[in-house]
C-alpha cells in the first residue's frame, strides 16, 4: 500500500473527501502500480486514463460505503 494514500472515509476525515483528495489518492495508486512517478510522453494518455478510472472507482466506493455511526 502506498503510505501517502490516506483513508478517505469518515471517521478518518471529518467530511466527505474532496475531488482533489480522491484524485490525489488515485494518482498515488497509479504511480505505485506503474512504477513511474511521471510517465514518458508515449505513456501519458494511458497513465491519465488509469488515474481517471481509479478516481471514478474510488468515488463510487466512497459514495456507496455504509459506515456505522455516520450519515
Protein backbone atom coordinates (compact mmCIF):
# COMPACT_ATOMS: atom_id res chain seq x y z
CA UNK A 1 0.00 0.00 0.00
CA UNK A 2 1.21 3.48 -0.75
CA UNK A 3 1.96 5.20 2.50
CA UNK A 4 0.99 8.56 1.04
CA UNK A 5 -2.55 7.40 0.27
CA UNK A 6 -4.72 8.38 3.21
CA UNK A 7 -8.04 6.96 4.31
CA UNK A 8 -10.81 8.98 2.66
CA UNK A 9 -13.85 7.90 4.62
CA UNK A 10 -15.26 9.09 7.92
CA UNK A 11 -14.31 8.98 10.70
CA UNK A 12 -10.73 9.16 9.36
CA UNK A 13 -11.66 12.52 7.86
CA UNK A 14 -14.50 14.63 9.30
CA UNK A 15 -16.21 15.42 5.99
CA UNK A 16 -16.63 13.77 2.61
CA UNK A 17 -13.44 13.52 0.60
CA UNK A 18 -12.99 16.25 -1.96
CA UNK A 19 -12.50 15.58 -5.65
CA UNK A 20 -8.88 16.70 -5.25
CA UNK A 21 -8.29 14.21 -2.42
CA UNK A 22 -9.80 11.36 -4.45
CA UNK A 23 -7.72 12.28 -7.49
CA UNK A 24 -4.52 12.55 -5.42
CA UNK A 25 -5.10 9.07 -4.00
CA UNK A 26 -5.77 7.70 -7.49
CA UNK A 27 -2.58 9.31 -8.80
CA UNK A 28 -0.52 7.80 -5.98
CA UNK A 29 -2.01 4.38 -6.64
CA UNK A 30 -1.26 4.52 -10.38
CA UNK A 31 2.26 5.77 -9.69
CA UNK A 32 2.89 2.87 -7.34
CA UNK A 33 1.43 0.21 -9.63
CA UNK A 34 3.10 1.52 -12.78
CA UNK A 35 6.43 2.27 -11.15
CA UNK A 36 6.50 5.71 -12.78
CA UNK A 37 6.35 8.99 -10.89
CA UNK A 38 5.71 10.76 -14.17
CA UNK A 39 5.19 8.77 -17.37
CA UNK A 40 7.07 9.35 -20.59
CA UNK A 41 5.17 11.22 -23.28
CA UNK A 42 4.26 7.99 -25.08
CA UNK A 43 2.61 6.65 -21.88
CA UNK A 44 0.91 9.87 -20.74
CA UNK A 45 -2.52 9.07 -22.21
CA UNK A 46 -2.77 5.58 -20.74
CA UNK A 47 -1.43 6.85 -17.39
CA UNK A 48 -4.05 9.63 -17.27
CA UNK A 49 -6.83 7.21 -18.24
CA UNK A 50 -5.79 4.92 -15.41
CA UNK A 51 -5.85 7.80 -12.91
CA UNK A 52 -9.34 8.77 -14.13
CA UNK A 53 -10.61 5.19 -13.83
CA UNK A 54 -9.19 4.71 -10.33
CA UNK A 55 -10.61 8.07 -9.23
CA UNK A 56 -14.09 7.09 -10.54
CA UNK A 57 -13.92 3.70 -8.80
CA UNK A 58 -12.74 5.35 -5.58
CA UNK A 59 -15.57 7.88 -5.64
CA UNK A 60 -18.13 5.13 -6.29
CA UNK A 61 -16.75 3.15 -3.37
CA UNK A 62 -16.87 6.13 -1.03
CA UNK A 63 -20.39 7.05 -2.18
CA UNK A 64 -21.70 3.53 -1.56
CA UNK A 65 -19.94 2.64 1.69
CA UNK A 66 -22.09 2.43 4.79
CA UNK A 67 -20.10 3.48 7.83
CA UNK A 68 -21.70 2.69 11.18
CA UNK A 69 -22.37 5.75 13.25
CA UNK A 70 -22.04 8.10 10.30
CA UNK A 71 -24.66 9.63 7.96
